[in-house]
């Protein structure tokens, strides 16, 4: 059985046919129209339920998205908006694996409250998580997904320690721009107290971003206000081809041919949903994607 939705008219047709789950997924991500199998609807409903249970006003919380492994001895968390997931995101996770202790469980992570990115509306968080799940399952299937109710790294570290007290070491994977943000006093009421709390719990694995690499990181850590925390910050090499790649460029259409910038699943999602046309001059892209959002909301509330 599968549900068929033609977004141009929002007319729903229900057809019944025995199709494999794999075929359902191919249809969802690779066709012009949108097809939602019962399995897809249940998956989206499960993700939405987990998101609804996370309250930003509550104490720092984290949950493992359904189907992902629980942490082993150590854990690495790569937090971001993944809007959209890029080849640089995948390369960072694969590179980090080579520099981590054995028995480290890797996660991509998304927060309901993302610092400095609250104005980004499309795709919805639900769509981003579903797409990220699909991309990771295809390219790095042993990487799971975590959800957080907070956006600050210190809060996420607290959530991880509370949820997984058995874990020996916690690592955050970040780019150079993020470690600059971590040390920026604008994000804290009491910077030093927050950083002491963060680095008591976690360590940072820092990859180059743009032209800023290991030398710039070393200079940042030599600053007197940052030096007390340098022992918990480690440089991660990254191939130069990924250093200038960003999700923002993809959304704004600044990279031209995106074939080398995003996985095929993301290319298909972008073509199918036209989600970023609102940023690149497509007059109807925003409404086209809005129809998808309304359709999913309707499907999730039915039955």
C-alpha atoms as a PDB file:
ATOM      1  CA  UNK A   1       0.000   0.000   0.000  1.00  0.00           C
ATOM      2  CA  UNK A   2       1.199   3.515  -0.687  1.00  0.00           C
ATOM      3  CA  UNK A   3      -0.240   7.014  -0.566  1.00  0.00           C
ATOM      4  CA  UNK A   4       0.185   9.201  -3.622  1.00  0.00           C
ATOM      5  CA  UNK A   5       0.236  12.984  -3.420  1.00  0.00           C
ATOM      6  CA  UNK A   6       0.373  15.320  -6.392  1.00  0.00           C
ATOM      7  CA  UNK A   7       1.417  18.637  -4.883  1.00  0.00           C
ATOM      8  CA  UNK A   8       0.323  20.896  -7.729  1.00  0.00           C
ATOM      9  CA  UNK A   9      -3.317  20.276  -6.944  1.00  0.00           C
ATOM     10  CA  UNK A  10      -3.052  18.701  -3.497  1.00  0.00           C
ATOM     11  CA  UNK A  11      -5.330  15.927  -4.661  1.00  0.00           C
ATOM     12  CA  UNK A  12      -4.854  12.730  -2.745  1.00  0.00           C
ATOM     13  CA  UNK A  13      -5.241   9.295  -4.279  1.00  0.00           C
ATOM     14  CA  UNK A  14      -4.928   6.133  -2.274  1.00  0.00           C
ATOM     15  CA  UNK A  15      -3.652   3.143  -4.194  1.00  0.00           C
ATOM     16  CA  UNK A  16      -2.918  -0.322  -2.917  1.00  0.00           C
ATOM     17  CA  UNK A  17      -0.022  -2.365  -4.174  1.00  0.00           C
ATOM     18  CA  UNK A  18       2.541  -4.712  -2.691  1.00  0.00           C
ATOM     19  CA  UNK A  19       5.835  -2.816  -2.929  1.00  0.00           C
ATOM     20  CA  UNK A  20       9.011  -3.367  -0.941  1.00  0.00           C
ATOM     21  CA  UNK A  21      10.031  -0.847   1.696  1.00  0.00           C
ATOM     22  CA  UNK A  22      13.174  -0.152  -0.323  1.00  0.00           C
ATOM     23  CA  UNK A  23      11.039   0.727  -3.336  1.00  0.00           C
ATOM     24  CA  UNK A  24       8.966   3.056  -1.175  1.00  0.00           C
ATOM     25  CA  UNK A  25      12.098   4.906  -0.145  1.00  0.00           C
ATOM     26  CA  UNK A  26      13.308   5.173  -3.738  1.00  0.00           C
ATOM     27  CA  UNK A  27       9.975   6.655  -4.712  1.00  0.00           C
ATOM     28  CA  UNK A  28      10.028   9.137  -1.867  1.00  0.00           C
ATOM     29  CA  UNK A  29      13.423  10.555  -2.785  1.00  0.00           C
ATOM     30  CA  UNK A  30      13.741  10.134  -6.520  1.00  0.00           C
ATOM     31  CA  UNK A  31      10.464  11.011  -8.244  1.00  0.00           C
ATOM     32  CA  UNK A  32       8.860  14.239  -9.334  1.00  0.00           C
ATOM     33  CA  UNK A  33       5.799  13.737  -7.159  1.00  0.00           C
ATOM     34  CA  UNK A  34       5.685  12.840  -3.503  1.00  0.00           C
ATOM     35  CA  UNK A  35       4.898   9.321  -2.409  1.00  0.00           C
ATOM     36  CA  UNK A  36       4.374   8.490   1.228  1.00  0.00           C
ATOM     37  CA  UNK A  37       4.285   4.823   2.107  1.00  0.00           C
ATOM     38  CA  UNK A  38       2.746   3.735   5.414  1.00  0.00           C
ATOM     39  CA  UNK A  39       6.298   3.036   6.614  1.00  0.00           C
ATOM     40  CA  UNK A  40       7.359   6.564   5.688  1.00  0.00           C
ATOM     41  CA  UNK A  41       4.393   8.090   7.470  1.00  0.00           C
ATOM     42  CA  UNK A  42       5.107   6.065  10.592  1.00  0.00           C
ATOM     43  CA  UNK A  43       8.772   7.061  10.478  1.00  0.00           C
ATOM     44  CA  UNK A  44       7.880  10.739  10.180  1.00  0.00           C
ATOM     45  CA  UNK A  45       5.325  10.378  12.963  1.00  0.00           C
ATOM     46  CA  UNK A  46       7.969   8.760  15.186  1.00  0.00           C
ATOM     47  CA  UNK A  47      10.465  11.563  14.556  1.00  0.00           C
ATOM     48  CA  UNK A  48       7.842  14.222  15.154  1.00  0.00           C
ATOM     49  CA  UNK A  49       6.820  12.557  18.410  1.00  0.00           C
ATOM     50  CA  UNK A  50      10.410  12.646  19.662  1.00  0.00           C
ATOM     51  CA  UNK A  51      10.714  16.305  18.688  1.00  0.00           C
ATOM     52  CA  UNK A  52       7.485  17.159  20.480  1.00  0.00           C
ATOM     53  CA  UNK A  53       8.755  15.482  23.647  1.00  0.00           C
ATOM     54  CA  UNK A  54      11.832  17.735  23.750  1.00  0.00           C
ATOM     55  CA  UNK A  55      11.010  20.976  25.536  1.00  0.00           C
ATOM     56  CA  UNK A  56      13.517  23.824  25.097  1.00  0.00           C
ATOM     57  CA  UNK A  57      12.527  25.263  28.480  1.00  0.00           C
ATOM     58  CA  UNK A  58      13.292  22.001  30.309  1.00  0.00           C
ATOM     59  CA  UNK A  59      16.666  20.941  31.677  1.00  0.00           C
ATOM     60  CA  UNK A  60      19.196  19.988  28.967  1.00  0.00           C
ATOM     61  CA  UNK A  61      17.996  16.783  27.304  1.00  0.00           C
ATOM     62  CA  UNK A  62      19.081  14.481  24.505  1.00  0.00           C
ATOM     63  CA  UNK A  63      17.515  11.424  22.902  1.00  0.00           C
ATOM     64  CA  UNK A  64      18.800   8.905  20.364  1.00  0.00           C
ATOM     65  CA  UNK A  65      16.681   8.870  17.234  1.00  0.00           C
ATOM     66  CA  UNK A  66      14.897   5.564  16.797  1.00  0.00           C
ATOM     67  CA  UNK A  67      17.012   2.882  15.160  1.00  0.00           C
ATOM     68  CA  UNK A  68      20.407   4.302  16.129  1.00  0.00           C
ATOM     69  CA  UNK A  69      22.842   2.488  18.402  1.00  0.00           C
ATOM     70  CA  UNK A  70      23.304   3.477  22.028  1.00  0.00           C
ATOM     71  CA  UNK A  71      26.731   4.931  22.933  1.00  0.00           C
ATOM     72  CA  UNK A  72      29.648   2.588  23.578  1.00  0.00           C
ATOM     73  CA  UNK A  73      32.736   3.523  25.633  1.00  0.00           C
ATOM     74  CA  UNK A  74      33.186   6.960  24.023  1.00  0.00           C
ATOM     75  CA  UNK A  75      30.911   9.218  22.004  1.00  0.00           C
ATOM     76  CA  UNK A  76      31.445  11.846  19.310  1.00  0.00           C
ATOM     77  CA  UNK A  77      28.707  14.349  18.497  1.00  0.00           C
ATOM     78  CA  UNK A  78      28.640  16.454  15.332  1.00  0.00           C
ATOM     79  CA  UNK A  79      25.951  19.047  15.979  1.00  0.00           C
ATOM     80  CA  UNK A  80      24.574  21.257  13.226  1.00  0.00           C
ATOM     81  CA  UNK A  81      21.527  22.312  11.274  1.00  0.00           C
ATOM     82  CA  UNK A  82      22.409  20.081   8.261  1.00  0.00           C
ATOM     83  CA  UNK A  83      20.411  22.382   6.031  1.00  0.00           C
ATOM     84  CA  UNK A  84      21.195  20.601   3.782  1.00  0.00           C
ATOM     85  CA  UNK A  85      23.630  17.767   4.524  1.00  0.00           C
ATOM     86  CA  UNK A  86      26.759  18.196   2.382  1.00  0.00           C
ATOM     87  CA  UNK A  87      29.684  16.054   1.307  1.00  0.00           C
ATOM     88  CA  UNK A  88      31.780  18.075   3.747  1.00  0.00           C
ATOM     89  CA  UNK A  89      29.576  16.855   6.616  1.00  0.00           C
ATOM     90  CA  UNK A  90      30.162  13.261   5.553  1.00  0.00           C
ATOM     91  CA  UNK A  91      33.899  13.824   5.101  1.00  0.00           C
ATOM     92  CA  UNK A  92      34.161  15.352   8.579  1.00  0.00           C
ATOM     93  CA  UNK A  93      32.507  12.347  10.199  1.00  0.00           C
ATOM     94  CA  UNK A  94      34.667   9.903   8.266  1.00  0.00           C
ATOM     95  CA  UNK A  95      37.833  11.839   9.084  1.00  0.00           C
ATOM     96  CA  UNK A  96      36.954  12.096  12.768  1.00  0.00           C
ATOM     97  CA  UNK A  97      36.570   8.330  13.009  1.00  0.00           C
ATOM     98  CA  UNK A  98      40.252   7.859  12.148  1.00  0.00           C
ATOM     99  CA  UNK A  99      41.362  10.178  14.961  1.00  0.00           C
ATOM    100  CA  UNK A 100      39.145   8.847  17.737  1.00  0.00           C
ATOM    101  CA  UNK A 101      39.756   6.102  20.312  1.00  0.00           C
ATOM    102  CA  UNK A 102      38.398   2.642  19.575  1.00  0.00           C
ATOM    103  CA  UNK A 103      34.820   1.962  20.689  1.00  0.00           C
ATOM    104  CA  UNK A 104      33.638   5.496  19.924  1.00  0.00           C
ATOM    105  CA  UNK A 105      30.025   5.834  18.788  1.00  0.00           C
ATOM    106  CA  UNK A 106      29.454   8.632  16.268  1.00  0.00           C
ATOM    107  CA  UNK A 107      26.360  10.790  15.999  1.00  0.00           C
ATOM    108  CA  UNK A 108      25.140  13.673  13.928  1.00  0.00           C
ATOM    109  CA  UNK A 109      23.002  15.878  16.158  1.00  0.00           C
ATOM    110  CA  UNK A 110      20.300  18.476  15.680  1.00  0.00           C
ATOM    111  CA  UNK A 111      18.821  20.816  18.262  1.00  0.00           C
ATOM    112  CA  UNK A 112      15.342  22.274  18.465  1.00  0.00           C
ATOM    113  CA  UNK A 113      17.102  25.484  19.417  1.00  0.00           C
ATOM    114  CA  UNK A 114      20.049  26.242  17.128  1.00  0.00           C
ATOM    115  CA  UNK A 115      22.179  29.207  18.118  1.00  0.00           C
ATOM    116  CA  UNK A 116      22.266  31.998  15.477  1.00  0.00           C
ATOM    117  CA  UNK A 117      20.115  30.008  12.993  1.00  0.00           C
ATOM    118  CA  UNK A 118      16.597  30.426  14.345  1.00  0.00           C
ATOM    119  CA  UNK A 119      15.513  32.388  11.249  1.00  0.00           C
ATOM    120  CA  UNK A 120      16.061  29.432   8.882  1.00  0.00           C
ATOM    121  CA  UNK A 121      12.600  27.971   8.316  1.00  0.00           C
ATOM    122  CA  UNK A 122      12.777  25.614   5.342  1.00  0.00           C
ATOM    123  CA  UNK A 123      13.097  22.687   5.125  1.00  0.00           C
ATOM    124  CA  UNK A 124      11.228  21.886   8.295  1.00  0.00           C
ATOM    125  CA  UNK A 125      13.151  20.227  11.087  1.00  0.00           C
ATOM    126  CA  UNK A 126      11.151  17.066  10.409  1.00  0.00           C
ATOM    127  CA  UNK A 127      12.198  16.999   6.745  1.00  0.00           C
ATOM    128  CA  UNK A 128      15.825  17.739   7.606  1.00  0.00           C
ATOM    129  CA  UNK A 129      15.971  14.896  10.100  1.00  0.00           C
ATOM    130  CA  UNK A 130      14.338  12.455   7.710  1.00  0.00           C
ATOM    131  CA  UNK A 131      16.703  13.442   4.901  1.00  0.00           C
ATOM    132  CA  UNK A 132      19.729  13.247   7.206  1.00  0.00           C
ATOM    133  CA  UNK A 133      18.637   9.787   8.340  1.00  0.00           C
ATOM    134  CA  UNK A 134      18.413   8.675   4.721  1.00  0.00           C
ATOM    135  CA  UNK A 135      21.816  10.156   3.785  1.00  0.00           C
ATOM    136  CA  UNK A 136      23.596   8.573   6.743  1.00  0.00           C
ATOM    137  CA  UNK A 137      21.938   5.199   6.178  1.00  0.00           C
ATOM    138  CA  UNK A 138      23.277   5.175   2.606  1.00  0.00           C
ATOM    139  CA  UNK A 139      26.768   6.603   3.179  1.00  0.00           C
ATOM    140  CA  UNK A 140      27.779   6.027   6.835  1.00  0.00           C
ATOM    141  CA  UNK A 141      25.231   3.576   8.245  1.00  0.00           C
ATOM    142  CA  UNK A 142      26.855   3.226  11.663  1.00  0.00           C
ATOM    143  CA  UNK A 143      26.483   6.946  12.429  1.00  0.00           C
ATOM    144  CA  UNK A 144      23.342   7.650  14.447  1.00  0.00           C
ATOM    145  CA  UNK A 145      21.370  10.816  15.133  1.00  0.00           C
ATOM    146  CA  UNK A 146      20.847  12.600  18.441  1.00  0.00           C
ATOM    147  CA  UNK A 147      18.234  15.226  19.219  1.00  0.00           C
ATOM    148  CA  UNK A 148      18.847  18.018  21.745  1.00  0.00           C
ATOM    149  CA  UNK A 149      16.508  20.518  23.326  1.00  0.00           C
ATOM    150  CA  UNK A 150      19.284  23.123  23.688  1.00  0.00           C
ATOM    151  CA  UNK A 151      21.748  24.784  21.333  1.00  0.00           C
ATOM    152  CA  UNK A 152      24.771  25.703  23.470  1.00  0.00           C
ATOM    153  CA  UNK A 153      27.566  23.148  23.584  1.00  0.00           C
ATOM    154  CA  UNK A 154      27.794  23.379  27.370  1.00  0.00           C
ATOM    155  CA  UNK A 155      24.102  22.503  27.610  1.00  0.00           C
ATOM    156  CA  UNK A 156      24.486  19.661  25.127  1.00  0.00           C
ATOM    157  CA  UNK A 157      27.453  18.318  27.095  1.00  0.00           C
ATOM    158  CA  UNK A 158      25.363  18.382  30.261  1.00  0.00           C
ATOM    159  CA  UNK A 159      22.565  16.558  28.466  1.00  0.00           C
ATOM    160  CA  UNK A 160      24.965  13.880  27.192  1.00  0.00           C
ATOM    161  CA  UNK A 161      26.500  13.294  30.605  1.00  0.00           C
ATOM    162  CA  UNK A 162      23.058  12.998  32.214  1.00  0.00           C
ATOM    163  CA  UNK A 163      21.737  10.646  29.528  1.00  0.00           C
ATOM    164  CA  UNK A 164      24.850   8.478  29.206  1.00  0.00           C
ATOM    165  CA  UNK A 165      26.697   8.454  32.550  1.00  0.00           C
ATOM    166  CA  UNK A 166      28.609   5.317  31.531  1.00  0.00           C
ATOM    167  CA  UNK A 167      30.435   7.046  28.666  1.00  0.00           C
ATOM    168  CA  UNK A 168      34.129   7.673  29.375  1.00  0.00           C
ATOM    169  CA  UNK A 169      34.905  10.493  26.929  1.00  0.00           C
ATOM    170  CA  UNK A 170      32.631  12.894  25.055  1.00  0.00           C
ATOM    171  CA  UNK A 171      33.862  14.671  21.918  1.00  0.00           C
ATOM    172  CA  UNK A 172      32.216  17.423  19.899  1.00  0.00           C
ATOM    173  CA  UNK A 173      33.199  17.691  16.241  1.00  0.00           C
ATOM    174  CA  UNK A 174      33.244  21.336  15.118  1.00  0.00           C
ATOM    175  CA  UNK A 175      34.661  23.582  12.420  1.00  0.00           C
ATOM    176  CA  UNK A 176      37.011  26.462  13.192  1.00  0.00           C
ATOM    177  CA  UNK A 177      34.159  28.969  13.010  1.00  0.00           C
ATOM    178  CA  UNK A 178      32.340  27.075  15.770  1.00  0.00           C
ATOM    179  CA  UNK A 179      35.278  26.958  18.164  1.00  0.00           C
ATOM    180  CA  UNK A 180      35.535  30.736  17.784  1.00  0.00           C
ATOM    181  CA  UNK A 181      31.859  30.887  18.744  1.00  0.00           C
ATOM    182  CA  UNK A 182      32.447  28.586  21.723  1.00  0.00           C
ATOM    183  CA  UNK A 183      34.998  31.027  23.140  1.00  0.00           C
ATOM    184  CA  UNK A 184      32.893  34.127  22.353  1.00  0.00           C
ATOM    185  CA  UNK A 185      31.678  35.741  25.614  1.00  0.00           C
ATOM    186  CA  UNK A 186      28.506  37.045  23.924  1.00  0.00           C
ATOM    187  CA  UNK A 187      26.887  33.630  24.273  1.00  0.00           C
ATOM    188  CA  UNK A 188      27.307  33.360  28.050  1.00  0.00           C
ATOM    189  CA  UNK A 189      26.214  35.062  31.217  1.00  0.00           C
ATOM    190  CA  UNK A 190      29.377  33.748  32.906  1.00  0.00           C
ATOM    191  CA  UNK A 191      31.811  32.703  30.172  1.00  0.00           C
ATOM    192  CA  UNK A 192      34.536  31.146  32.311  1.00  0.00           C
ATOM    193  CA  UNK A 193      32.129  29.175  34.486  1.00  0.00           C
ATOM    194  CA  UNK A 194      30.336  27.837  31.398  1.00  0.00           C
ATOM    195  CA  UNK A 195      33.593  26.882  29.671  1.00  0.00           C
ATOM    196  CA  UNK A 196      34.907  25.174  32.794  1.00  0.00           C
ATOM    197  CA  UNK A 197      31.700  23.164  32.895  1.00  0.00           C
ATOM    198  CA  UNK A 198      31.900  22.348  29.160  1.00  0.00           C
ATOM    199  CA  UNK A 199      35.522  21.223  29.151  1.00  0.00           C
ATOM    200  CA  UNK A 200      35.154  19.308  32.375  1.00  0.00           C
ATOM    201  CA  UNK A 201      32.665  17.106  30.527  1.00  0.00           C
ATOM    202  CA  UNK A 202      33.732  17.208  26.893  1.00  0.00           C
ATOM    203  CA  UNK A 203      36.559  17.708  24.402  1.00  0.00           C
ATOM    204  CA  UNK A 204      36.516  19.475  21.041  1.00  0.00           C
ATOM    205  CA  UNK A 205      37.783  18.072  17.757  1.00  0.00           C
ATOM    206  CA  UNK A 206      38.285  21.096  15.474  1.00  0.00           C
ATOM    207  CA  UNK A 207      38.464  20.888  11.672  1.00  0.00           C
ATOM    208  CA  UNK A 208      39.724  23.680   9.392  1.00  0.00           C
ATOM    209  CA  UNK A 209      37.166  26.034   7.879  1.00  0.00           C
ATOM    210  CA  UNK A 210      37.939  28.243   4.919  1.00  0.00           C
ATOM    211  CA  UNK A 211      41.507  29.521   5.258  1.00  0.00           C
ATOM    212  CA  UNK A 212      41.602  28.993   9.031  1.00  0.00           C
ATOM    213  CA  UNK A 213      43.419  25.808  10.001  1.00  0.00           C
ATOM    214  CA  UNK A 214      45.747  24.385  12.595  1.00  0.00           C
ATOM    215  CA  UNK A 215      47.932  27.479  12.925  1.00  0.00           C
ATOM    216  CA  UNK A 216      44.946  29.731  13.486  1.00  0.00           C
ATOM    217  CA  UNK A 217      43.571  27.287  16.044  1.00  0.00           C
ATOM    218  CA  UNK A 218      46.889  27.275  17.907  1.00  0.00           C
ATOM    219  CA  UNK A 219      46.874  31.073  17.955  1.00  0.00           C
ATOM    220  CA  UNK A 220      43.331  31.119  19.289  1.00  0.00           C
ATOM    221  CA  UNK A 221      44.235  28.719  22.074  1.00  0.00           C
ATOM    222  CA  UNK A 222      47.312  30.766  23.067  1.00  0.00           C
ATOM    223  CA  UNK A 223      45.146  33.711  24.032  1.00  0.00           C
ATOM    224  CA  UNK A 224      45.267  34.104  27.812  1.00  0.00           C
ATOM    225  CA  UNK A 225      41.488  33.800  28.203  1.00  0.00           C
ATOM    226  CA  UNK A 226      41.449  30.536  26.182  1.00  0.00           C
ATOM    227  CA  UNK A 227      44.699  28.897  27.272  1.00  0.00           C
ATOM    228  CA  UNK A 228      43.201  27.167  30.372  1.00  0.00           C
ATOM    229  CA  UNK A 229      40.999  25.104  28.045  1.00  0.00           C
ATOM    230  CA  UNK A 230      43.551  24.270  25.348  1.00  0.00           C
ATOM    231  CA  UNK A 231      44.155  20.762  26.705  1.00  0.00           C
ATOM    232  CA  UNK A 232      40.635  19.751  25.660  1.00  0.00           C
ATOM    233  CA  UNK A 233      40.775  21.128  22.105  1.00  0.00           C
ATOM    234  CA  UNK A 234      42.341  18.999  19.333  1.00  0.00           C
ATOM    235  CA  UNK A 235      43.049  19.829  15.687  1.00  0.00           C
ATOM    236  CA  UNK A 236      41.528  17.567  13.020  1.00  0.00           C
ATOM    237  CA  UNK A 237      43.049  17.657   9.497  1.00  0.00           C
ATOM    238  CA  UNK A 238      40.606  17.931   6.601  1.00  0.00           C
ATOM    239  CA  UNK A 239      41.118  17.791   2.851  1.00  0.00           C
ATOM    240  CA  UNK A 240      41.200  21.273   1.331  1.00  0.00           C
ATOM    241  CA  UNK A 241      38.329  20.508  -1.070  1.00  0.00           C
ATOM    242  CA  UNK A 242      35.876  20.515   1.844  1.00  0.00           C
ATOM    243  CA  UNK A 243      37.083  23.598   3.728  1.00  0.00           C
ATOM    244  CA  UNK A 244      35.049  26.141   1.752  1.00  0.00           C
ATOM    245  CA  UNK A 245      31.955  23.978   1.308  1.00  0.00           C
ATOM    246  CA  UNK A 246      28.925  25.193   3.282  1.00  0.00           C
ATOM    247  CA  UNK A 247      25.214  24.534   3.526  1.00  0.00           C
ATOM    248  CA  UNK A 248      24.540  28.268   3.227  1.00  0.00           C
ATOM    249  CA  UNK A 249      26.147  28.326  -0.218  1.00  0.00           C
ATOM    250  CA  UNK A 250      23.954  25.411  -1.277  1.00  0.00           C
ATOM    251  CA  UNK A 251      20.776  27.104  -0.042  1.00  0.00           C
ATOM    252  CA  UNK A 252      21.641  30.359  -1.820  1.00  0.00           C
ATOM    253  CA  UNK A 253      22.705  28.656  -5.027  1.00  0.00           C
ATOM    254  CA  UNK A 254      26.226  30.098  -4.828  1.00  0.00           C
ATOM    255  CA  UNK A 255      28.075  26.913  -5.795  1.00  0.00           C
ATOM    256  CA  UNK A 256      26.511  26.515  -9.250  1.00  0.00           C
ATOM    257  CA  UNK A 257      26.685  22.806 -10.102  1.00  0.00           C
ATOM    258  CA  UNK A 258      26.172  21.118  -6.729  1.00  0.00           C
ATOM    259  CA  UNK A 259      27.043  17.593  -7.873  1.00  0.00           C
ATOM    260  CA  UNK A 260      30.312  17.562  -5.953  1.00  0.00           C
ATOM    261  CA  UNK A 261      28.925  19.405  -2.947  1.00  0.00           C
ATOM    262  CA  UNK A 262      25.993  17.311  -1.749  1.00  0.00           C
ATOM    263  CA  UNK A 263      25.131  13.594  -1.801  1.00  0.00           C
ATOM    264  CA  UNK A 264      22.799  12.371  -4.575  1.00  0.00           C
ATOM    265  CA  UNK A 265      19.961  11.943  -2.060  1.00  0.00           C
ATOM    266  CA  UNK A 266      20.120  15.652  -1.242  1.00  0.00           C
ATOM    267  CA  UNK A 267      20.188  16.607  -4.914  1.00  0.00           C
ATOM    268  CA  UNK A 268      17.050  14.538  -5.444  1.00  0.00           C
ATOM    269  CA  UNK A 269      15.328  16.057  -2.423  1.00  0.00           C
ATOM    270  CA  UNK A 270      16.119  19.587  -3.604  1.00  0.00           C
ATOM    271  CA  UNK A 271      14.847  18.889  -7.112  1.00  0.00           C
ATOM    272  CA  UNK A 272      11.733  17.141  -5.866  1.00  0.00           C
ATOM    273  CA  UNK A 273      10.674  19.684  -3.251  1.00  0.00           C
ATOM    274  CA  UNK A 274      12.134  22.912  -4.731  1.00  0.00           C
ATOM    275  CA  UNK A 275      12.747  23.878  -1.128  1.00  0.00           C
ATOM    276  CA  UNK A 276      15.533  26.404  -1.762  1.00  0.00           C
ATOM    277  CA  UNK A 277      14.011  28.191  -4.734  1.00  0.00           C
ATOM    278  CA  UNK A 278      12.764  30.877  -2.353  1.00  0.00           C
ATOM    279  CA  UNK A 279      16.416  31.859  -1.866  1.00  0.00           C
ATOM    280  CA  UNK A 280      17.494  31.549  -5.498  1.00  0.00           C
ATOM    281  CA  UNK A 281      14.762  33.517  -7.266  1.00  0.00           C
ATOM    282  CA  UNK A 282      12.236  30.786  -7.921  1.00  0.00           C
ATOM    283  CA  UNK A 283       8.923  32.590  -7.552  1.00  0.00           C
ATOM    284  CA  UNK A 284       6.883  29.472  -6.844  1.00  0.00           C
ATOM    285  CA  UNK A 285       9.404  27.432  -4.870  1.00  0.00           C
ATOM    286  CA  UNK A 286       8.273  28.606  -1.458  1.00  0.00           C
ATOM    287  CA  UNK A 287       4.615  27.822  -2.076  1.00  0.00           C
ATOM    288  CA  UNK A 288       5.454  24.506  -3.711  1.00  0.00           C
ATOM    289  CA  UNK A 289       7.357  23.411  -0.612  1.00  0.00           C
ATOM    290  CA  UNK A 290       4.642  24.829   1.648  1.00  0.00           C
ATOM    291  CA  UNK A 291       2.202  22.460  -0.045  1.00  0.00           C
ATOM    292  CA  UNK A 292       4.450  19.567   0.906  1.00  0.00           C
ATOM    293  CA  UNK A 293       4.538  20.748   4.520  1.00  0.00           C
ATOM    294  CA  UNK A 294       0.753  20.998   4.683  1.00  0.00           C
ATOM    295  CA  UNK A 295       0.392  17.566   3.108  1.00  0.00           C
ATOM    296  CA  UNK A 296       2.733  15.954   5.628  1.00  0.00           C
ATOM    297  CA  UNK A 297       0.972  17.670   8.521  1.00  0.00           C
ATOM    298  CA  UNK A 298      -2.339  16.327   7.257  1.00  0.00           C
ATOM    299  CA  UNK A 299      -0.983  12.796   6.834  1.00  0.00           C
ATOM    300  CA  UNK A 300       0.575  12.773  10.312  1.00  0.00           C
ATOM    301  CA  UNK A 301      -2.640  13.849  12.014  1.00  0.00           C
ATOM    302  CA  UNK A 302      -4.847  11.371  10.184  1.00  0.00           C
ATOM    303  CA  UNK A 303      -5.579   8.019  11.717  1.00  0.00           C
END
